[in-house]
PDB file of N, CA and C in Angstrom:
ATOM      1  N   ILE A   1       0.853  -1.173   0.000  1.00  0.00           N
ATOM      2  CA  ILE A   1       0.000   0.000   0.000  1.00  0.00           C
ATOM      3  C   ILE A   1       0.901   1.240   0.000  1.00  0.00           C
ATOM      4  N   PRO A   2       0.719   2.135  -0.947  1.00  0.00           N
ATOM      5  CA  PRO A   2       1.510   3.368  -0.974  1.00  0.00           C
ATOM      6  C   PRO A   2       1.262   4.186   0.291  1.00  0.00           C
ATOM      7  N   ARG A   3       2.323   4.842   0.746  1.00  0.00           N
ATOM      8  CA  ARG A   3       2.159   5.722   1.901  1.00  0.00           C
ATOM      9  C   ARG A   3       3.082   6.922   1.767  1.00  0.00           C
ATOM     10  N   PHE A   4       2.723   7.990   2.407  1.00  0.00           N
ATOM     11  CA  PHE A   4       3.481   9.229   2.390  1.00  0.00           C
ATOM     12  C   PHE A   4       4.777   9.043   3.188  1.00  0.00           C
ATOM     13  N   ILE A   5       5.904   9.411   2.611  1.00  0.00           N
ATOM     14  CA  ILE A   5       7.197   9.347   3.300  1.00  0.00           C
ATOM     15  C   ILE A   5       7.516  10.760   3.763  1.00  0.00           C
ATOM     16  N   GLU A   6       7.270  11.024   5.027  1.00  0.00           N
ATOM     17  CA  GLU A   6       7.388  12.370   5.578  1.00  0.00           C
ATOM     18  C   GLU A   6       8.766  12.988   5.342  1.00  0.00           C
ATOM     19  N   ASP A   7       9.830  12.190   5.468  1.00  0.00           N
ATOM     20  CA  ASP A   7      11.190  12.721   5.305  1.00  0.00           C
ATOM     21  C   ASP A   7      11.468  13.223   3.889  1.00  0.00           C
ATOM     22  N   LEU A   8      10.668  12.792   2.916  1.00  0.00           N
ATOM     23  CA  LEU A   8      10.825  13.242   1.529  1.00  0.00           C
ATOM     24  C   LEU A   8       9.674  14.156   1.101  1.00  0.00           C
ATOM     25  N   GLY A   9       8.903  14.627   2.068  1.00  0.00           N
ATOM     26  CA  GLY A   9       7.688  15.384   1.790  1.00  0.00           C
ATOM     27  C   GLY A   9       7.879  16.622   0.944  1.00  0.00           C
ATOM     28  N   ILE A  10       8.983  17.335   1.104  1.00  0.00           N
ATOM     29  CA  ILE A  10       9.191  18.557   0.321  1.00  0.00           C
ATOM     30  C   ILE A  10      10.206  18.351  -0.805  1.00  0.00           C
ATOM     31  N   THR A  11      10.595  17.107  -1.030  1.00  0.00           N
ATOM     32  CA  THR A  11      11.583  16.774  -2.059  1.00  0.00           C
ATOM     33  C   THR A  11      10.865  16.434  -3.363  1.00  0.00           C
ATOM     34  N   LYS A  12      11.345  16.993  -4.466  1.00  0.00           N
ATOM     35  CA  LYS A  12      10.769  16.661  -5.773  1.00  0.00           C
ATOM     36  C   LYS A  12      11.320  15.300  -6.198  1.00  0.00           C
ATOM     37  N   ILE A  13      10.489  14.283  -6.194  1.00  0.00           N
ATOM     38  CA  ILE A  13      10.882  12.919  -6.552  1.00  0.00           C
ATOM     39  C   ILE A  13      10.626  12.723  -8.041  1.00  0.00           C
ATOM     40  N   ILE A  14      11.660  12.267  -8.755  1.00  0.00           N
ATOM     41  CA  ILE A  14      11.597  12.072 -10.197  1.00  0.00           C
ATOM     42  C   ILE A  14      11.245  10.627 -10.544  1.00  0.00           C
ATOM     43  N   ASP A  15      11.742   9.679  -9.732  1.00  0.00           N
ATOM     44  CA  ASP A  15      11.541   8.255 -10.000  1.00  0.00           C
ATOM     45  C   ASP A  15      11.540   7.539  -8.660  1.00  0.00           C
ATOM     46  N   ILE A  16      10.873   6.408  -8.609  1.00  0.00           N
ATOM     47  CA  ILE A  16      10.882   5.574  -7.406  1.00  0.00           C
ATOM     48  C   ILE A  16      10.925   4.118  -7.849  1.00  0.00           C
ATOM     49  N   SER A  17      11.628   3.296  -7.079  1.00  0.00           N
ATOM     50  CA  SER A  17      11.707   1.870  -7.386  1.00  0.00           C
ATOM     51  C   SER A  17      11.706   1.100  -6.070  1.00  0.00           C
ATOM     52  N   CYS A  18      10.972  -0.001  -6.050  1.00  0.00           N
ATOM     53  CA  CYS A  18      10.902  -0.829  -4.844  1.00  0.00           C
ATOM     54  C   CYS A  18      11.400  -2.228  -5.153  1.00  0.00           C
ATOM     55  N   GLY A  19      12.346  -2.699  -4.340  1.00  0.00           N
ATOM     56  CA  GLY A  19      12.824  -4.069  -4.439  1.00  0.00           C
ATOM     57  C   GLY A  19      11.994  -4.952  -3.524  1.00  0.00           C
ATOM     58  N   ASP A  20      12.524  -6.125  -3.196  1.00  0.00           N
ATOM     59  CA  ASP A  20      11.793  -7.039  -2.310  1.00  0.00           C
ATOM     60  C   ASP A  20      11.557  -6.424  -0.937  1.00  0.00           C
ATOM     61  N   SER A  21      12.567  -5.731  -0.406  1.00  0.00           N
ATOM     62  CA  SER A  21      12.409  -5.193   0.946  1.00  0.00           C
ATOM     63  C   SER A  21      13.168  -3.885   1.145  1.00  0.00           C
ATOM     64  N   HIS A  22      13.408  -3.150   0.063  1.00  0.00           N
ATOM     65  CA  HIS A  22      13.975  -1.809   0.172  1.00  0.00           C
ATOM     66  C   HIS A  22      13.438  -0.947  -0.957  1.00  0.00           C
ATOM     67  N   CYS A  23      13.549   0.362  -0.774  1.00  0.00           N
ATOM     68  CA  CYS A  23      13.034   1.307  -1.764  1.00  0.00           C
ATOM     69  C   CYS A  23      14.099   2.332  -2.118  1.00  0.00           C
ATOM     70  N   LEU A  24      13.981   2.869  -3.325  1.00  0.00           N
ATOM     71  CA  LEU A  24      14.841   3.941  -3.799  1.00  0.00           C
ATOM     72  C   LEU A  24      13.951   5.074  -4.285  1.00  0.00           C
ATOM     73  N   ALA A  25      14.411   6.301  -4.077  1.00  0.00           N
ATOM     74  CA  ALA A  25      13.732   7.474  -4.612  1.00  0.00           C
ATOM     75  C   ALA A  25      14.787   8.340  -5.275  1.00  0.00           C
ATOM     76  N   LEU A  26      14.440   8.898  -6.433  1.00  0.00           N
ATOM     77  CA  LEU A  26      15.386   9.714  -7.182  1.00  0.00           C
ATOM     78  C   LEU A  26      14.998  11.180  -7.135  1.00  0.00           C
ATOM     79  N   SER A  27      15.855  11.936  -6.576  1.00  0.00           N
ATOM     80  CA  SER A  27      15.969  13.386  -6.616  1.00  0.00           C
ATOM     81  C   SER A  27      17.478  13.486  -6.594  1.00  0.00           C
ATOM     82  N   HIS A  28      18.053  13.298  -5.427  1.00  0.00           N
ATOM     83  CA  HIS A  28      19.352  12.682  -5.239  1.00  0.00           C
ATOM     84  C   HIS A  28      18.925  11.223  -5.102  1.00  0.00           C
ATOM     85  N   VAL A  29      19.819  10.289  -4.936  1.00  0.00           N
ATOM     86  CA  VAL A  29      19.347   8.913  -4.741  1.00  0.00           C
ATOM     87  C   VAL A  29      19.202   8.673  -3.240  1.00  0.00           C
ATOM     88  N   TYR A  30      17.995   8.378  -2.826  1.00  0.00           N
ATOM     89  CA  TYR A  30      17.685   8.039  -1.440  1.00  0.00           C
ATOM     90  C   TYR A  30      17.325   6.559  -1.382  1.00  0.00           C
ATOM     91  N   ALA A  31      17.681   5.914  -0.261  1.00  0.00           N
ATOM     92  CA  ALA A  31      17.352   4.499  -0.081  1.00  0.00           C
ATOM     93  C   ALA A  31      16.949   4.251   1.366  1.00  0.00           C
ATOM     94  N   TRP A  32      16.049   3.271   1.542  1.00  0.00           N
ATOM     95  CA  TRP A  32      15.657   2.851   2.889  1.00  0.00           C
ATOM     96  C   TRP A  32      15.057   1.453   2.812  1.00  0.00           C
ATOM     97  N   GLY A  33      15.070   0.772   3.957  1.00  0.00           N
ATOM     98  CA  GLY A  33      14.526  -0.585   4.034  1.00  0.00           C
ATOM     99  C   GLY A  33      15.579  -1.577   4.479  1.00  0.00           C
ATOM    100  N   ASN A  34      15.401  -2.829   4.102  1.00  0.00           N
ATOM    101  CA  ASN A  34      16.344  -3.890   4.434  1.00  0.00           C
ATOM    102  C   ASN A  34      17.693  -3.561   3.808  1.00  0.00           C
ATOM    103  N   ASN A  35      18.751  -3.731   4.559  1.00  0.00           N
ATOM    104  CA  ASN A  35      20.087  -3.385   4.077  1.00  0.00           C
ATOM    105  C   ASN A  35      21.081  -4.508   4.344  1.00  0.00           C
ATOM    106  N   THR A  36      20.595  -5.745   4.470  1.00  0.00           N
ATOM    107  CA  THR A  36      21.482  -6.855   4.845  1.00  0.00           C
ATOM    108  C   THR A  36      22.582  -7.118   3.816  1.00  0.00           C
ATOM    109  N   MET A  37      22.372  -6.719   2.570  1.00  0.00           N
ATOM    110  CA  MET A  37      23.388  -6.900   1.528  1.00  0.00           C
ATOM    111  C   MET A  37      24.012  -5.568   1.117  1.00  0.00           C
ATOM    112  N   GLY A  38      23.754  -4.509   1.889  1.00  0.00           N
ATOM    113  CA  GLY A  38      24.293  -3.200   1.580  1.00  0.00           C
ATOM    114  C   GLY A  38      23.553  -2.483   0.465  1.00  0.00           C
ATOM    115  N   GLN A  39      22.359  -2.955   0.121  1.00  0.00           N
ATOM    116  CA  GLN A  39      21.622  -2.413  -1.013  1.00  0.00           C
ATOM    117  C   GLN A  39      21.135  -0.976  -0.816  1.00  0.00           C
ATOM    118  N   CYS A  40      21.240  -0.450   0.398  1.00  0.00           N
ATOM    119  CA  CYS A  40      20.842   0.941   0.623  1.00  0.00           C
ATOM    120  C   CYS A  40      22.015   1.906   0.466  1.00  0.00           C
ATOM    121  N   GLY A  41      23.194   1.388   0.133  1.00  0.00           N
ATOM    122  CA  GLY A  41      24.322   2.239  -0.213  1.00  0.00           C
ATOM    123  C   GLY A  41      24.859   3.106   0.899  1.00  0.00           C
ATOM    124  N   GLN A  42      24.909   2.565   2.117  1.00  0.00           N
ATOM    125  CA  GLN A  42      25.402   3.330   3.257  1.00  0.00           C
ATOM    126  C   GLN A  42      26.811   2.928   3.694  1.00  0.00           C
ATOM    127  N   GLY A  43      27.410   1.989   2.985  1.00  0.00           N
ATOM    128  CA  GLY A  43      28.765   1.564   3.324  1.00  0.00           C
ATOM    129  C   GLY A  43      28.818   0.519   4.419  1.00  0.00           C
ATOM    130  N   HIS A  44      27.672  -0.034   4.792  1.00  0.00           N
ATOM    131  CA  HIS A  44      27.602  -1.082   5.815  1.00  0.00           C
ATOM    132  C   HIS A  44      26.402  -1.962   5.517  1.00  0.00           C
ATOM    133  N   THR A  45      26.260  -3.032   6.277  1.00  0.00           N
ATOM    134  CA  THR A  45      25.114  -3.930   6.088  1.00  0.00           C
ATOM    135  C   THR A  45      24.206  -3.959   7.311  1.00  0.00           C
ATOM    136  N   SER A  46      24.312  -2.929   8.165  1.00  0.00           N
ATOM    137  CA  SER A  46      23.394  -2.842   9.304  1.00  0.00           C
ATOM    138  C   SER A  46      21.983  -2.639   8.767  1.00  0.00           C
ATOM    139  N   THR A  47      21.032  -3.246   9.410  1.00  0.00           N
ATOM    140  CA  THR A  47      19.665  -3.175   8.916  1.00  0.00           C
ATOM    141  C   THR A  47      18.707  -2.971  10.073  1.00  0.00           C
ATOM    142  N   PRO A  48      17.587  -2.417   9.898  1.00  0.00           N
ATOM    143  CA  PRO A  48      17.131  -1.773   8.669  1.00  0.00           C
ATOM    144  C   PRO A  48      17.517  -0.304   8.637  1.00  0.00           C
ATOM    145  N   ILE A  49      17.395   0.295   7.467  1.00  0.00           N
ATOM    146  CA  ILE A  49      17.515   1.743   7.304  1.00  0.00           C
ATOM    147  C   ILE A  49      16.070   2.236   7.352  1.00  0.00           C
ATOM    148  N   THR A  50      15.684   2.849   8.460  1.00  0.00           N
ATOM    149  CA  THR A  50      14.269   3.146   8.696  1.00  0.00           C
ATOM    150  C   THR A  50      13.773   4.429   8.042  1.00  0.00           C
ATOM    151  N   LYS A  51      14.692   5.336   7.699  1.00  0.00           N
ATOM    152  CA  LYS A  51      14.310   6.585   7.047  1.00  0.00           C
ATOM    153  C   LYS A  51      15.151   6.756   5.791  1.00  0.00           C
ATOM    154  N   PRO A  52      14.614   7.398   4.765  1.00  0.00           N
ATOM    155  CA  PRO A  52      15.394   7.613   3.538  1.00  0.00           C
ATOM    156  C   PRO A  52      16.705   8.336   3.825  1.00  0.00           C
ATOM    157  N   ARG A  53      17.792   7.787   3.271  1.00  0.00           N
ATOM    158  CA  ARG A  53      19.117   8.401   3.397  1.00  0.00           C
ATOM    159  C   ARG A  53      19.733   8.494   2.018  1.00  0.00           C
ATOM    160  N   LYS A  54      20.501   9.558   1.808  1.00  0.00           N
ATOM    161  CA  LYS A  54      21.209   9.683   0.536  1.00  0.00           C
ATOM    162  C   LYS A  54      22.204   8.538   0.402  1.00  0.00           C
ATOM    163  N   VAL A  55      22.252   7.945  -0.787  1.00  0.00           N
ATOM    164  CA  VAL A  55      23.220   6.892  -1.077  1.00  0.00           C
ATOM    165  C   VAL A  55      24.603   7.522  -1.139  1.00  0.00           C
ATOM    166  N   LEU A  56      25.559   6.917  -0.456  1.00  0.00           N
ATOM    167  CA  LEU A  56      26.917   7.454  -0.399  1.00  0.00           C
ATOM    168  C   LEU A  56      27.647   7.257  -1.727  1.00  0.00           C
ATOM    169  N   GLY A  57      28.488   8.207  -2.087  1.00  0.00           N
ATOM    170  CA  GLY A  57      29.346   8.082  -3.258  1.00  0.00           C
ATOM    171  C   GLY A  57      28.736   8.569  -4.556  1.00  0.00           C
ATOM    172  N   LEU A  58      27.516   9.082  -4.516  1.00  0.00           N
ATOM    173  CA  LEU A  58      26.886   9.546  -5.751  1.00  0.00           C
ATOM    174  C   LEU A  58      26.753  11.069  -5.819  1.00  0.00           C
ATOM    175  N   GLU A  59      27.351  11.762  -4.860  1.00  0.00           N
ATOM    176  CA  GLU A  59      27.276  13.212  -4.847  1.00  0.00           C
ATOM    177  C   GLU A  59      27.904  13.777  -6.122  1.00  0.00           C
ATOM    178  N   GLY A  60      27.224  14.712  -6.754  1.00  0.00           N
ATOM    179  CA  GLY A  60      27.744  15.357  -7.947  1.00  0.00           C
ATOM    180  C   GLY A  60      27.621  14.558  -9.233  1.00  0.00           C
ATOM    181  N   ILE A  61      27.025  13.394  -9.167  1.00  0.00           N
ATOM    182  CA  ILE A  61      26.856  12.552 -10.351  1.00  0.00           C
ATOM    183  C   ILE A  61      25.398  12.660 -10.805  1.00  0.00           C
ATOM    184  N   SER A  62      25.197  12.907 -12.080  1.00  0.00           N
ATOM    185  CA  SER A  62      23.853  13.039 -12.631  1.00  0.00           C
ATOM    186  C   SER A  62      23.244  11.649 -12.816  1.00  0.00           C
ATOM    187  N   ILE A  63      22.262  11.326 -12.014  1.00  0.00           N
ATOM    188  CA  ILE A  63      21.595  10.027 -12.086  1.00  0.00           C
ATOM    189  C   ILE A  63      20.319  10.179 -12.914  1.00  0.00           C
ATOM    190  N   GLN A  64      20.129   9.294 -13.874  1.00  0.00           N
ATOM    191  CA  GLN A  64      18.993   9.368 -14.789  1.00  0.00           C
ATOM    192  C   GLN A  64      17.848   8.429 -14.415  1.00  0.00           C
ATOM    193  N   GLN A  65      18.183   7.309 -13.773  1.00  0.00           N
ATOM    194  CA  GLN A  65      17.169   6.301 -13.465  1.00  0.00           C
ATOM    195  C   GLN A  65      17.677   5.450 -12.310  1.00  0.00           C
ATOM    196  N   ILE A  66      16.760   4.856 -11.569  1.00  0.00           N
ATOM    197  CA  ILE A  66      17.116   3.965 -10.460  1.00  0.00           C
ATOM    198  C   ILE A  66      16.353   2.652 -10.607  1.00  0.00           C
ATOM    199  N   THR A  67      16.954   1.587 -10.081  1.00  0.00           N
ATOM    200  CA  THR A  67      16.321   0.274 -10.093  1.00  0.00           C
ATOM    201  C   THR A  67      16.671  -0.450  -8.804  1.00  0.00           C
ATOM    202  N   ALA A  68      15.662  -0.942  -8.103  1.00  0.00           N
ATOM    203  CA  ALA A  68      15.865  -1.734  -6.888  1.00  0.00           C
ATOM    204  C   ALA A  68      15.539  -3.188  -7.205  1.00  0.00           C
ATOM    205  N   GLY A  69      16.431  -4.093  -6.823  1.00  0.00           N
ATOM    206  CA  GLY A  69      16.209  -5.513  -7.057  1.00  0.00           C
ATOM    207  C   GLY A  69      15.994  -6.250  -5.749  1.00  0.00           C
ATOM    208  N   THR A  70      16.218  -7.542  -5.776  1.00  0.00           N
ATOM    209  CA  THR A  70      16.037  -8.363  -4.588  1.00  0.00           C
ATOM    210  C   THR A  70      16.979  -7.930  -3.472  1.00  0.00           C
ATOM    211  N   SER A  71      18.261  -7.849  -3.781  1.00  0.00           N
ATOM    212  CA  SER A  71      19.249  -7.453  -2.767  1.00  0.00           C
ATOM    213  C   SER A  71      20.311  -6.556  -3.382  1.00  0.00           C
ATOM    214  N   HIS A  72      19.916  -5.765  -4.347  1.00  0.00           N
ATOM    215  CA  HIS A  72      20.844  -4.843  -4.994  1.00  0.00           C
ATOM    216  C   HIS A  72      20.087  -3.608  -5.483  1.00  0.00           C
ATOM    217  N   SER A  73      20.853  -2.575  -5.790  1.00  0.00           N
ATOM    218  CA  SER A  73      20.297  -1.341  -6.329  1.00  0.00           C
ATOM    219  C   SER A  73      21.194  -0.859  -7.449  1.00  0.00           C
ATOM    220  N   LEU A  74      20.593  -0.237  -8.458  1.00  0.00           N
ATOM    221  CA  LEU A  74      21.348   0.359  -9.565  1.00  0.00           C
ATOM    222  C   LEU A  74      20.941   1.809  -9.710  1.00  0.00           C
ATOM    223  N   ALA A  75      21.928   2.652  -9.979  1.00  0.00           N
ATOM    224  CA  ALA A  75      21.677   4.043 -10.312  1.00  0.00           C
ATOM    225  C   ALA A  75      22.293   4.270 -11.679  1.00  0.00           C
ATOM    226  N   TRP A  76      21.461   4.521 -12.672  1.00  0.00           N
ATOM    227  CA  TRP A  76      21.905   4.675 -14.055  1.00  0.00           C
ATOM    228  C   TRP A  76      22.386   6.095 -14.257  1.00  0.00           C
ATOM    229  N   THR A  77      23.637   6.251 -14.678  1.00  0.00           N
ATOM    230  CA  THR A  77      24.206   7.589 -14.833  1.00  0.00           C
ATOM    231  C   THR A  77      23.977   8.175 -16.204  1.00  0.00           C
ATOM    232  N   ALA A  78      23.688   7.367 -17.200  1.00  0.00           N
ATOM    233  CA  ALA A  78      23.510   7.895 -18.556  1.00  0.00           C
ATOM    234  C   ALA A  78      22.832   6.866 -19.428  1.00  0.00           C
ATOM    235  N   THR A  79      22.282   7.352 -20.502  1.00  0.00           N
ATOM    236  CA  THR A  79      21.760   6.492 -21.546  1.00  0.00           C
ATOM    237  C   THR A  79      22.560   6.839 -22.791  1.00  0.00           C
ATOM    238  N   LEU A  80      23.605   6.082 -23.035  1.00  0.00           N
ATOM    239  CA  LEU A  80      24.514   6.377 -24.135  1.00  0.00           C
ATOM    240  C   LEU A  80      24.410   5.299 -25.200  1.00  0.00           C
ATOM    241  N   LYS A  81      24.495   5.679 -26.452  1.00  0.00           N
ATOM    242  CA  LYS A  81      24.352   4.713 -27.539  1.00  0.00           C
ATOM    243  C   LYS A  81      25.598   3.879 -27.766  1.00  0.00           C
ATOM    244  N   ARG A  82      26.761   4.432 -27.594  1.00  0.00           N
ATOM    245  CA  ARG A  82      27.973   3.702 -27.962  1.00  0.00           C
ATOM    246  C   ARG A  82      28.951   3.537 -26.806  1.00  0.00           C
ATOM    247  N   SER A  83      28.473   3.534 -25.596  1.00  0.00           N
ATOM    248  CA  SER A  83      29.357   3.408 -24.444  1.00  0.00           C
ATOM    249  C   SER A  83      29.449   1.959 -23.997  1.00  0.00           C
ATOM    250  N   THR A  84      30.653   1.497 -23.748  1.00  0.00           N
ATOM    251  CA  THR A  84      30.838   0.175 -23.138  1.00  0.00           C
ATOM    252  C   THR A  84      31.436   0.345 -21.753  1.00  0.00           C
ATOM    253  N   LYS A  85      31.482   1.576 -21.280  1.00  0.00           N
ATOM    254  CA  LYS A  85      32.098   1.862 -19.988  1.00  0.00           C
ATOM    255  C   LYS A  85      31.100   1.624 -18.854  1.00  0.00           C
ATOM    256  N   LEU A  86      31.481   0.791 -17.922  1.00  0.00           N
ATOM    257  CA  LEU A  86      30.732   0.615 -16.697  1.00  0.00           C
ATOM    258  C   LEU A  86      31.590   1.162 -15.564  1.00  0.00           C
ATOM    259  N   LEU A  87      31.021   2.006 -14.737  1.00  0.00           N
ATOM    260  CA  LEU A  87      31.776   2.561 -13.629  1.00  0.00           C
ATOM    261  C   LEU A  87      31.834   1.514 -12.528  1.00  0.00           C
ATOM    262  N   LYS A  88      33.033   1.069 -12.183  1.00  0.00           N
ATOM    263  CA  LYS A  88      33.209  -0.035 -11.258  1.00  0.00           C
ATOM    264  C   LYS A  88      33.659   0.475  -9.890  1.00  0.00           C
ATOM    265  N   LYS A  89      33.088  -0.077  -8.832  1.00  0.00           N
ATOM    266  CA  LYS A  89      33.453   0.341  -7.490  1.00  0.00           C
ATOM    267  C   LYS A  89      34.203  -0.740  -6.709  1.00  0.00           C
ATOM    268  N   SER A  90      34.171  -1.994  -7.176  1.00  0.00           N
ATOM    269  CA  SER A  90      34.837  -3.044  -6.414  1.00  0.00           C
ATOM    270  C   SER A  90      35.241  -4.183  -7.339  1.00  0.00           C
ATOM    271  N   SER A  91      36.089  -5.076  -6.826  1.00  0.00           N
ATOM    272  CA  SER A  91      36.487  -6.235  -7.628  1.00  0.00           C
ATOM    273  C   SER A  91      35.285  -7.139  -7.895  1.00  0.00           C
ATOM    274  N   HIS A  92      34.316  -7.159  -6.980  1.00  0.00           N
ATOM    275  CA  HIS A  92      33.103  -7.950  -7.201  1.00  0.00           C
ATOM    276  C   HIS A  92      32.366  -7.448  -8.448  1.00  0.00           C
ATOM    277  N   ASP A  93      32.273  -6.116  -8.601  1.00  0.00           N
ATOM    278  CA  ASP A  93      31.641  -5.543  -9.786  1.00  0.00           C
ATOM    279  C   ASP A  93      32.397  -5.955 -11.040  1.00  0.00           C
ATOM    280  N   LYS A  94      33.730  -5.979 -10.978  1.00  0.00           N
ATOM    281  CA  LYS A  94      34.529  -6.372 -12.135  1.00  0.00           C
ATOM    282  C   LYS A  94      34.228  -7.814 -12.526  1.00  0.00           C
ATOM    283  N   GLN A  95      34.055  -8.696 -11.532  1.00  0.00           N
ATOM    284  CA  GLN A  95      33.727 -10.090 -11.817  1.00  0.00           C
ATOM    285  C   GLN A  95      32.358 -10.190 -12.485  1.00  0.00           C
ATOM    286  N   ILE A  96      31.390  -9.422 -12.011  1.00  0.00           N
ATOM    287  CA  ILE A  96      30.054  -9.425 -12.609  1.00  0.00           C
ATOM    288  C   ILE A  96      30.133  -8.933 -14.047  1.00  0.00           C
ATOM    289  N   ILE A  97      30.894  -7.878 -14.273  1.00  0.00           N
ATOM    290  CA  ILE A  97      31.007  -7.318 -15.619  1.00  0.00           C
ATOM    291  C   ILE A  97      31.662  -8.323 -16.562  1.00  0.00           C
ATOM    292  N   LYS A  98      32.690  -9.046 -16.085  1.00  0.00           N
ATOM    293  CA  LYS A  98      33.303 -10.078 -16.918  1.00  0.00           C
ATOM    294  C   LYS A  98      32.267 -11.139 -17.291  1.00  0.00           C
ATOM    295  N   LYS A  99      31.419 -11.522 -16.334  1.00  0.00           N
ATOM    296  CA  LYS A  99      30.382 -12.511 -16.614  1.00  0.00           C
ATOM    297  C   LYS A  99      29.387 -11.960 -17.637  1.00  0.00           C
ATOM    298  N   LEU A 100      29.019 -10.678 -17.498  1.00  0.00           N
ATOM    299  CA  LEU A 100      28.104 -10.070 -18.459  1.00  0.00           C
ATOM    300  C   LEU A 100      28.697 -10.080 -19.857  1.00  0.00           C
ATOM    301  N   HIS A 101      29.988  -9.732 -19.972  1.00  0.00           N
ATOM    302  CA  HIS A 101      30.640  -9.706 -21.266  1.00  0.00           C
ATOM    303  C   HIS A 101      30.759 -11.109 -21.869  1.00  0.00           C
ATOM    304  N   SER A 102      30.907 -12.129 -21.024  1.00  0.00           N
ATOM    305  CA  SER A 102      31.127 -13.482 -21.531  1.00  0.00           C
ATOM    306  C   SER A 102      29.832 -14.159 -21.980  1.00  0.00           C
ATOM    307  N   LYS A 103      28.678 -13.663 -21.540  1.00  0.00           N
ATOM    308  CA  LYS A 103      27.410 -14.279 -21.925  1.00  0.00           C
ATOM    309  C   LYS A 103      26.978 -13.767 -23.293  1.00  0.00           C
ATOM    310  N   ASN A 104      26.386 -14.637 -24.050  1.00  0.00           N
ATOM    311  CA  ASN A 104      25.888 -14.264 -25.372  1.00  0.00           C
ATOM    312  C   ASN A 104      24.387 -14.007 -25.259  1.00  0.00           C
ATOM    313  N   ASN A 105      24.018 -12.991 -24.513  1.00  0.00           N
ATOM    314  CA  ASN A 105      22.631 -12.646 -24.256  1.00  0.00           C
ATOM    315  C   ASN A 105      22.383 -11.246 -24.801  1.00  0.00           C
ATOM    316  N   SER A 106      21.462 -11.095 -25.725  1.00  0.00           N
ATOM    317  CA  SER A 106      21.244  -9.805 -26.374  1.00  0.00           C
ATOM    318  C   SER A 106      20.823  -8.727 -25.383  1.00  0.00           C
ATOM    319  N   ASN A 107      20.013  -9.067 -24.367  1.00  0.00           N
ATOM    320  CA  ASN A 107      19.611  -8.069 -23.381  1.00  0.00           C
ATOM    321  C   ASN A 107      20.802  -7.613 -22.553  1.00  0.00           C
ATOM    322  N   THR A 108      21.622  -8.557 -22.108  1.00  0.00           N
ATOM    323  CA  THR A 108      22.816  -8.213 -21.338  1.00  0.00           C
ATOM    324  C   THR A 108      23.764  -7.392 -22.193  1.00  0.00           C
ATOM    325  N   LYS A 109      23.959  -7.806 -23.432  1.00  0.00           N
ATOM    326  CA  LYS A 109      24.851  -7.078 -24.331  1.00  0.00           C
ATOM    327  C   LYS A 109      24.361  -5.645 -24.499  1.00  0.00           C
ATOM    328  N   PHE A 110      23.052  -5.446 -24.627  1.00  0.00           N
ATOM    329  CA  PHE A 110      22.499  -4.108 -24.765  1.00  0.00           C
ATOM    330  C   PHE A 110      22.823  -3.262 -23.536  1.00  0.00           C
ATOM    331  N   VAL A 111      22.638  -3.821 -22.346  1.00  0.00           N
ATOM    332  CA  VAL A 111      22.921  -3.075 -21.116  1.00  0.00           C
ATOM    333  C   VAL A 111      24.393  -2.688 -21.058  1.00  0.00           C
ATOM    334  N   VAL A 112      25.285  -3.629 -21.328  1.00  0.00           N
ATOM    335  CA  VAL A 112      26.721  -3.351 -21.255  1.00  0.00           C
ATOM    336  C   VAL A 112      27.121  -2.309 -22.296  1.00  0.00           C
ATOM    337  N   GLU A 113      26.546  -2.386 -23.496  1.00  0.00           N
ATOM    338  CA  GLU A 113      26.939  -1.460 -24.546  1.00  0.00           C
ATOM    339  C   GLU A 113      26.224  -0.114 -24.466  1.00  0.00           C
ATOM    340  N   ALA A 114      25.064  -0.063 -23.867  1.00  0.00           N
ATOM    341  CA  ALA A 114      24.245   1.145 -23.971  1.00  0.00           C
ATOM    342  C   ALA A 114      24.243   2.028 -22.742  1.00  0.00           C
ATOM    343  N   TYR A 115      24.689   1.556 -21.615  1.00  0.00           N
ATOM    344  CA  TYR A 115      24.551   2.330 -20.392  1.00  0.00           C
ATOM    345  C   TYR A 115      25.856   2.424 -19.616  1.00  0.00           C
ATOM    346  N   SER A 116      26.023   3.518 -18.910  1.00  0.00           N
ATOM    347  CA  SER A 116      27.017   3.621 -17.853  1.00  0.00           C
ATOM    348  C   SER A 116      26.248   3.534 -16.550  1.00  0.00           C
ATOM    349  N   ILE A 117      26.684   2.684 -15.642  1.00  0.00           N
ATOM    350  CA  ILE A 117      25.929   2.498 -14.405  1.00  0.00           C
ATOM    351  C   ILE A 117      26.865   2.479 -13.206  1.00  0.00           C
ATOM    352  N   TRP A 118      26.287   2.774 -12.044  1.00  0.00           N
ATOM    353  CA  TRP A 118      26.937   2.537 -10.752  1.00  0.00           C
ATOM    354  C   TRP A 118      26.196   1.374 -10.131  1.00  0.00           C
ATOM    355  N   CYS A 119      26.946   0.395  -9.621  1.00  0.00           N
ATOM    356  CA  CYS A 119      26.303  -0.722  -8.927  1.00  0.00           C
ATOM    357  C   CYS A 119      26.557  -0.568  -7.447  1.00  0.00           C
TER     358      CYS A 119
END
């Protein structure tokens, strides 16, 4: 059931996405909810994040879209036609990107070739 989030009451929200047990709101990127896998972007896995908090590390970056998954979040920085650049924050991200590149999946190939993202 949708409900008013008082902490974001005067914030102009451009996009919202809900995962299994966390939510994202785009003005700046805000996250709240279950954080057991660090999906709220606070630099820790303490849970829960009970009020919307700005995701760390995205200050000054123009975010175009957000996506919340089961235990992860994505903030899309651009929609580019010929970019193969993915902004990587950890060796785990590099391993995921290698797996994406190695799969012969047209949807995955489109994401890798068409977007720059922060994971």
